[in-house]
N, C-alpha and C. Protein backbone atom coordinates (compact mmCIF):
# COMPACT_ATOMS: atom_id res chain seq x y z
N MET A 1 -8.12 -17.07 -1.88
CA MET A 1 -7.90 -17.37 -3.27
C MET A 1 -6.41 -17.57 -3.49
N LYS A 2 -6.08 -18.46 -4.35
CA LYS A 2 -4.68 -18.77 -4.62
C LYS A 2 -4.34 -18.41 -6.07
N THR A 3 -3.11 -18.01 -6.27
CA THR A 3 -2.64 -17.64 -7.60
C THR A 3 -1.19 -18.07 -7.77
N LYS A 4 -0.72 -18.10 -8.99
CA LYS A 4 0.66 -18.50 -9.27
C LYS A 4 1.56 -17.29 -9.50
N ASN A 5 0.97 -16.14 -9.84
CA ASN A 5 1.76 -14.98 -10.20
C ASN A 5 1.85 -13.98 -9.05
N SER A 6 2.77 -13.06 -9.15
CA SER A 6 2.88 -11.99 -8.17
C SER A 6 3.09 -10.68 -8.91
N LYS A 7 2.29 -9.70 -8.60
CA LYS A 7 2.42 -8.39 -9.22
C LYS A 7 2.62 -7.36 -8.13
N SER A 8 3.04 -6.16 -8.50
CA SER A 8 3.47 -5.20 -7.49
C SER A 8 2.44 -4.16 -7.10
N SER A 9 1.28 -4.11 -7.75
CA SER A 9 0.31 -3.08 -7.36
C SER A 9 -1.12 -3.54 -7.66
N TYR A 10 -2.07 -2.88 -6.99
CA TYR A 10 -3.48 -3.16 -7.23
C TYR A 10 -3.85 -2.74 -8.65
N SER A 11 -4.74 -3.53 -9.29
CA SER A 11 -5.22 -3.13 -10.61
C SER A 11 -6.59 -3.75 -10.87
N GLU A 12 -7.36 -3.06 -11.73
CA GLU A 12 -8.66 -3.58 -12.14
C GLU A 12 -8.48 -4.84 -12.98
N ALA A 13 -7.42 -4.89 -13.78
CA ALA A 13 -7.17 -6.05 -14.63
C ALA A 13 -6.98 -7.31 -13.80
N THR A 14 -6.28 -7.20 -12.69
CA THR A 14 -6.09 -8.36 -11.81
C THR A 14 -7.42 -8.79 -11.21
N ALA A 15 -8.25 -7.83 -10.82
CA ALA A 15 -9.56 -8.16 -10.24
C ALA A 15 -10.42 -8.92 -11.25
N THR A 16 -10.36 -8.55 -12.53
CA THR A 16 -11.19 -9.22 -13.53
C THR A 16 -10.73 -10.65 -13.81
N LEU A 17 -9.52 -10.99 -13.41
CA LEU A 17 -9.07 -12.38 -13.53
C LEU A 17 -9.81 -13.30 -12.56
N TYR A 18 -10.31 -12.73 -11.47
CA TYR A 18 -10.93 -13.52 -10.41
C TYR A 18 -12.42 -13.27 -10.24
N ILE A 19 -12.89 -12.05 -10.56
CA ILE A 19 -14.29 -11.68 -10.37
C ILE A 19 -14.90 -11.35 -11.72
N ASN A 20 -15.98 -12.04 -12.07
CA ASN A 20 -16.66 -11.82 -13.34
C ASN A 20 -17.57 -10.60 -13.23
N GLY A 21 -17.34 -9.61 -14.07
CA GLY A 21 -18.12 -8.38 -14.03
C GLY A 21 -19.58 -8.54 -14.44
N LYS A 22 -19.93 -9.68 -15.05
CA LYS A 22 -21.30 -9.89 -15.51
C LYS A 22 -22.12 -10.78 -14.57
N THR A 23 -21.47 -11.35 -13.55
CA THR A 23 -22.16 -12.21 -12.60
C THR A 23 -22.42 -11.42 -11.31
N PRO A 24 -23.62 -11.54 -10.72
CA PRO A 24 -23.93 -10.76 -9.51
C PRO A 24 -22.98 -11.07 -8.35
N ILE A 25 -22.74 -10.04 -7.56
CA ILE A 25 -21.95 -10.14 -6.33
C ILE A 25 -22.91 -9.87 -5.17
N PHE A 26 -22.79 -10.66 -4.09
CA PHE A 26 -23.69 -10.52 -2.94
C PHE A 26 -22.89 -10.25 -1.68
N ASN A 27 -23.45 -9.39 -0.82
CA ASN A 27 -22.85 -9.09 0.48
C ASN A 27 -23.13 -10.24 1.43
N VAL A 28 -22.09 -10.75 2.08
CA VAL A 28 -22.26 -11.79 3.09
C VAL A 28 -21.73 -11.36 4.46
N SER A 29 -21.53 -10.05 4.64
CA SER A 29 -21.09 -9.51 5.93
C SER A 29 -22.29 -8.95 6.68
N SER A 30 -22.29 -9.18 7.98
CA SER A 30 -23.34 -8.57 8.80
C SER A 30 -22.82 -7.32 9.50
N GLU A 31 -21.50 -7.12 9.45
CA GLU A 31 -20.92 -5.88 9.97
C GLU A 31 -19.57 -5.63 9.32
N ILE A 32 -19.15 -4.37 9.33
CA ILE A 32 -17.85 -3.96 8.79
C ILE A 32 -16.77 -4.26 9.83
N GLU A 33 -15.67 -4.84 9.39
CA GLU A 33 -14.53 -5.07 10.29
C GLU A 33 -13.56 -3.91 10.16
N LYS A 34 -13.14 -3.37 11.29
CA LYS A 34 -12.12 -2.32 11.28
C LYS A 34 -10.75 -2.99 11.25
N GLN A 35 -9.82 -2.38 10.51
CA GLN A 35 -8.44 -2.85 10.47
C GLN A 35 -7.59 -1.79 11.15
N TYR A 36 -6.76 -2.22 12.07
CA TYR A 36 -5.96 -1.30 12.89
C TYR A 36 -4.50 -1.33 12.51
N ASN A 37 -3.83 -0.22 12.79
CA ASN A 37 -2.39 -0.12 12.60
C ASN A 37 -1.69 -0.88 13.74
N TRP A 38 -0.58 -1.53 13.41
CA TRP A 38 0.21 -2.26 14.40
C TRP A 38 1.62 -1.67 14.42
N ILE A 39 2.13 -1.43 15.62
CA ILE A 39 3.49 -0.93 15.78
C ILE A 39 4.18 -1.81 16.81
N ASP A 40 5.35 -2.33 16.47
CA ASP A 40 6.11 -3.23 17.37
C ASP A 40 5.25 -4.37 17.88
N ASN A 41 4.49 -5.00 16.97
CA ASN A 41 3.63 -6.14 17.30
C ASN A 41 2.53 -5.82 18.30
N LYS A 42 2.19 -4.52 18.42
CA LYS A 42 1.10 -4.12 19.30
C LYS A 42 0.09 -3.31 18.50
N ARG A 43 -1.18 -3.64 18.69
CA ARG A 43 -2.23 -2.93 17.98
C ARG A 43 -2.42 -1.53 18.56
N THR A 44 -2.52 -0.55 17.68
CA THR A 44 -2.83 0.81 18.11
C THR A 44 -4.33 1.04 17.94
N ASP A 45 -4.82 2.20 18.32
CA ASP A 45 -6.23 2.54 18.13
C ASP A 45 -6.47 3.20 16.78
N GLU A 46 -5.41 3.34 15.96
CA GLU A 46 -5.53 3.98 14.66
C GLU A 46 -6.16 3.03 13.64
N VAL A 47 -7.32 3.41 13.11
CA VAL A 47 -7.99 2.61 12.08
C VAL A 47 -7.37 2.94 10.73
N VAL A 48 -6.91 1.90 10.01
CA VAL A 48 -6.25 2.11 8.72
C VAL A 48 -7.08 1.59 7.55
N GLY A 49 -8.20 0.95 7.84
CA GLY A 49 -9.06 0.45 6.77
C GLY A 49 -10.24 -0.30 7.33
N TYR A 50 -11.09 -0.71 6.41
CA TYR A 50 -12.31 -1.44 6.76
C TYR A 50 -12.43 -2.62 5.82
N LYS A 51 -13.06 -3.71 6.29
CA LYS A 51 -13.15 -4.92 5.48
C LYS A 51 -14.55 -5.50 5.57
N ALA A 52 -15.04 -5.97 4.42
CA ALA A 52 -16.32 -6.68 4.35
C ALA A 52 -16.16 -7.85 3.40
N TYR A 53 -17.07 -8.82 3.51
CA TYR A 53 -16.98 -10.03 2.70
C TYR A 53 -18.12 -10.12 1.70
N PHE A 54 -17.78 -10.67 0.54
CA PHE A 54 -18.72 -10.78 -0.57
C PHE A 54 -18.56 -12.15 -1.21
N VAL A 55 -19.56 -12.54 -2.01
CA VAL A 55 -19.51 -13.83 -2.69
C VAL A 55 -20.10 -13.67 -4.09
N GLN A 56 -19.60 -14.50 -4.99
CA GLN A 56 -20.10 -14.55 -6.36
C GLN A 56 -20.15 -16.02 -6.75
N GLU A 57 -21.15 -16.41 -7.52
CA GLU A 57 -21.26 -17.80 -7.94
C GLU A 57 -19.96 -18.25 -8.61
N GLY A 58 -19.46 -19.39 -8.16
CA GLY A 58 -18.22 -19.94 -8.72
C GLY A 58 -16.96 -19.44 -8.05
N VAL A 59 -17.12 -18.55 -7.05
CA VAL A 59 -15.97 -17.96 -6.36
C VAL A 59 -16.19 -18.12 -4.85
N ASN A 60 -15.16 -18.52 -4.13
CA ASN A 60 -15.27 -18.57 -2.68
C ASN A 60 -15.50 -17.17 -2.13
N PRO A 61 -16.11 -17.05 -0.94
CA PRO A 61 -16.26 -15.71 -0.35
C PRO A 61 -14.91 -15.00 -0.29
N PHE A 62 -14.94 -13.70 -0.57
CA PHE A 62 -13.69 -12.93 -0.59
C PHE A 62 -13.86 -11.62 0.17
N ALA A 63 -12.77 -11.19 0.79
CA ALA A 63 -12.76 -9.95 1.56
C ALA A 63 -12.38 -8.80 0.64
N VAL A 64 -12.99 -7.64 0.89
CA VAL A 64 -12.65 -6.42 0.16
C VAL A 64 -12.32 -5.35 1.18
N LYS A 65 -11.18 -4.69 0.99
CA LYS A 65 -10.74 -3.62 1.88
C LYS A 65 -11.21 -2.28 1.34
N PHE A 66 -11.60 -1.40 2.25
CA PHE A 66 -12.02 -0.04 1.92
C PHE A 66 -11.20 0.93 2.77
N GLU A 67 -10.75 2.05 2.17
CA GLU A 67 -10.03 3.06 2.95
C GLU A 67 -10.98 3.86 3.83
N GLN A 68 -12.16 4.19 3.28
CA GLN A 68 -13.18 4.92 4.03
C GLN A 68 -14.26 3.94 4.43
N GLU A 69 -14.86 4.13 5.60
CA GLU A 69 -15.89 3.19 6.06
C GLU A 69 -17.11 3.25 5.16
N PRO A 70 -17.45 2.14 4.51
CA PRO A 70 -18.62 2.13 3.63
C PRO A 70 -19.90 1.88 4.44
N THR A 71 -21.03 2.21 3.84
CA THR A 71 -22.31 1.85 4.42
C THR A 71 -22.59 0.42 3.99
N LEU A 72 -22.74 -0.46 4.95
CA LEU A 72 -22.91 -1.87 4.63
C LEU A 72 -24.33 -2.15 4.16
N PRO A 73 -24.47 -2.73 2.96
CA PRO A 73 -25.80 -3.11 2.47
C PRO A 73 -26.38 -4.24 3.31
N PRO A 74 -27.70 -4.45 3.25
CA PRO A 74 -28.30 -5.57 3.98
C PRO A 74 -27.68 -6.91 3.56
N PHE A 75 -27.67 -7.84 4.49
CA PHE A 75 -27.12 -9.18 4.27
C PHE A 75 -27.76 -9.83 3.04
N LEU A 76 -26.94 -10.41 2.18
CA LEU A 76 -27.32 -11.08 0.94
C LEU A 76 -27.88 -10.16 -0.14
N SER A 77 -27.66 -8.85 0.01
CA SER A 77 -28.04 -7.91 -1.05
C SER A 77 -27.11 -8.07 -2.24
N GLU A 78 -27.66 -7.88 -3.44
CA GLU A 78 -26.81 -7.83 -4.62
C GLU A 78 -26.15 -6.47 -4.63
N VAL A 79 -24.84 -6.43 -4.85
CA VAL A 79 -24.10 -5.18 -4.75
C VAL A 79 -23.22 -4.95 -5.97
N LYS A 80 -22.78 -3.71 -6.09
CA LYS A 80 -21.77 -3.28 -7.07
C LYS A 80 -20.62 -2.73 -6.26
N LEU A 81 -19.41 -3.22 -6.52
CA LEU A 81 -18.22 -2.73 -5.84
C LEU A 81 -17.58 -1.66 -6.72
N ASP A 82 -17.49 -0.45 -6.22
CA ASP A 82 -16.94 0.67 -6.99
C ASP A 82 -15.42 0.56 -7.07
N ASN A 83 -14.90 0.67 -8.29
CA ASN A 83 -13.46 0.67 -8.54
C ASN A 83 -12.77 -0.54 -7.91
N LEU A 84 -13.32 -1.73 -8.13
CA LEU A 84 -12.74 -2.95 -7.57
C LEU A 84 -11.38 -3.21 -8.21
N GLU A 85 -10.39 -3.43 -7.35
CA GLU A 85 -9.03 -3.74 -7.79
C GLU A 85 -8.52 -4.92 -6.98
N ALA A 86 -7.50 -5.58 -7.49
CA ALA A 86 -6.89 -6.70 -6.77
C ALA A 86 -5.38 -6.67 -6.92
N ILE A 87 -4.73 -7.33 -6.00
CA ILE A 87 -3.28 -7.49 -6.05
C ILE A 87 -2.95 -8.94 -5.71
N GLU A 88 -1.98 -9.49 -6.38
CA GLU A 88 -1.51 -10.84 -6.11
C GLU A 88 -0.22 -10.74 -5.31
N ILE A 89 -0.21 -11.37 -4.14
CA ILE A 89 0.98 -11.38 -3.29
C ILE A 89 1.25 -12.82 -2.91
N ARG A 90 2.41 -13.30 -3.30
CA ARG A 90 2.78 -14.70 -3.13
C ARG A 90 1.68 -15.56 -3.73
N SER A 91 0.97 -16.33 -2.92
CA SER A 91 -0.06 -17.20 -3.50
C SER A 91 -1.47 -16.74 -3.12
N ASN A 92 -1.61 -15.47 -2.74
CA ASN A 92 -2.92 -14.94 -2.34
C ASN A 92 -3.33 -13.75 -3.19
N VAL A 93 -4.64 -13.51 -3.23
CA VAL A 93 -5.19 -12.35 -3.94
C VAL A 93 -5.94 -11.51 -2.92
N TYR A 94 -5.68 -10.20 -2.94
CA TYR A 94 -6.34 -9.26 -2.03
C TYR A 94 -7.10 -8.23 -2.87
N PHE A 95 -8.30 -7.88 -2.40
CA PHE A 95 -9.16 -6.95 -3.13
C PHE A 95 -9.34 -5.67 -2.34
N ARG A 96 -9.55 -4.57 -3.09
CA ARG A 96 -9.94 -3.31 -2.46
C ARG A 96 -10.91 -2.61 -3.40
N ALA A 97 -11.72 -1.72 -2.82
CA ALA A 97 -12.69 -0.95 -3.59
C ALA A 97 -12.88 0.39 -2.90
N THR A 98 -13.44 1.34 -3.62
CA THR A 98 -13.68 2.66 -3.03
C THR A 98 -15.06 2.78 -2.43
N GLY A 99 -15.96 1.86 -2.77
CA GLY A 99 -17.31 1.90 -2.20
C GLY A 99 -18.10 0.68 -2.60
N VAL A 100 -19.29 0.58 -2.00
CA VAL A 100 -20.19 -0.53 -2.29
C VAL A 100 -21.61 0.02 -2.36
N ARG A 101 -22.38 -0.41 -3.38
CA ARG A 101 -23.76 0.06 -3.57
C ARG A 101 -24.68 -1.12 -3.79
N VAL A 102 -25.92 -0.98 -3.35
CA VAL A 102 -26.93 -2.01 -3.60
C VAL A 102 -27.39 -1.86 -5.04
N VAL A 103 -27.49 -2.99 -5.75
CA VAL A 103 -27.99 -3.00 -7.12
C VAL A 103 -29.51 -3.00 -7.05
N LYS A 104 -30.14 -2.11 -7.79
CA LYS A 104 -31.61 -2.03 -7.76
C LYS A 104 -32.22 -2.89 -8.81
């Protein structure tokens, strides 16, 4: 996702600029990706986060980072992202959430 502004921290307000809270979000990941710490351009074995991909009508698929490993819902399940926040850095938008749940 591209943006014109740059802000200094994650916020729910920034997330609502890009993700509509009234339109369903669907899981398009078949597995959780681990994110590792890098030191001196070398990957360590330290896991610093987890990433999964989601999609919403009218929005390109987007990645969401989690600090704790979430339980991944079945592929194409409608989901709710807990405490979804976003940050704008240069011309990109990055998302994070505290959890993901299947919508019943």
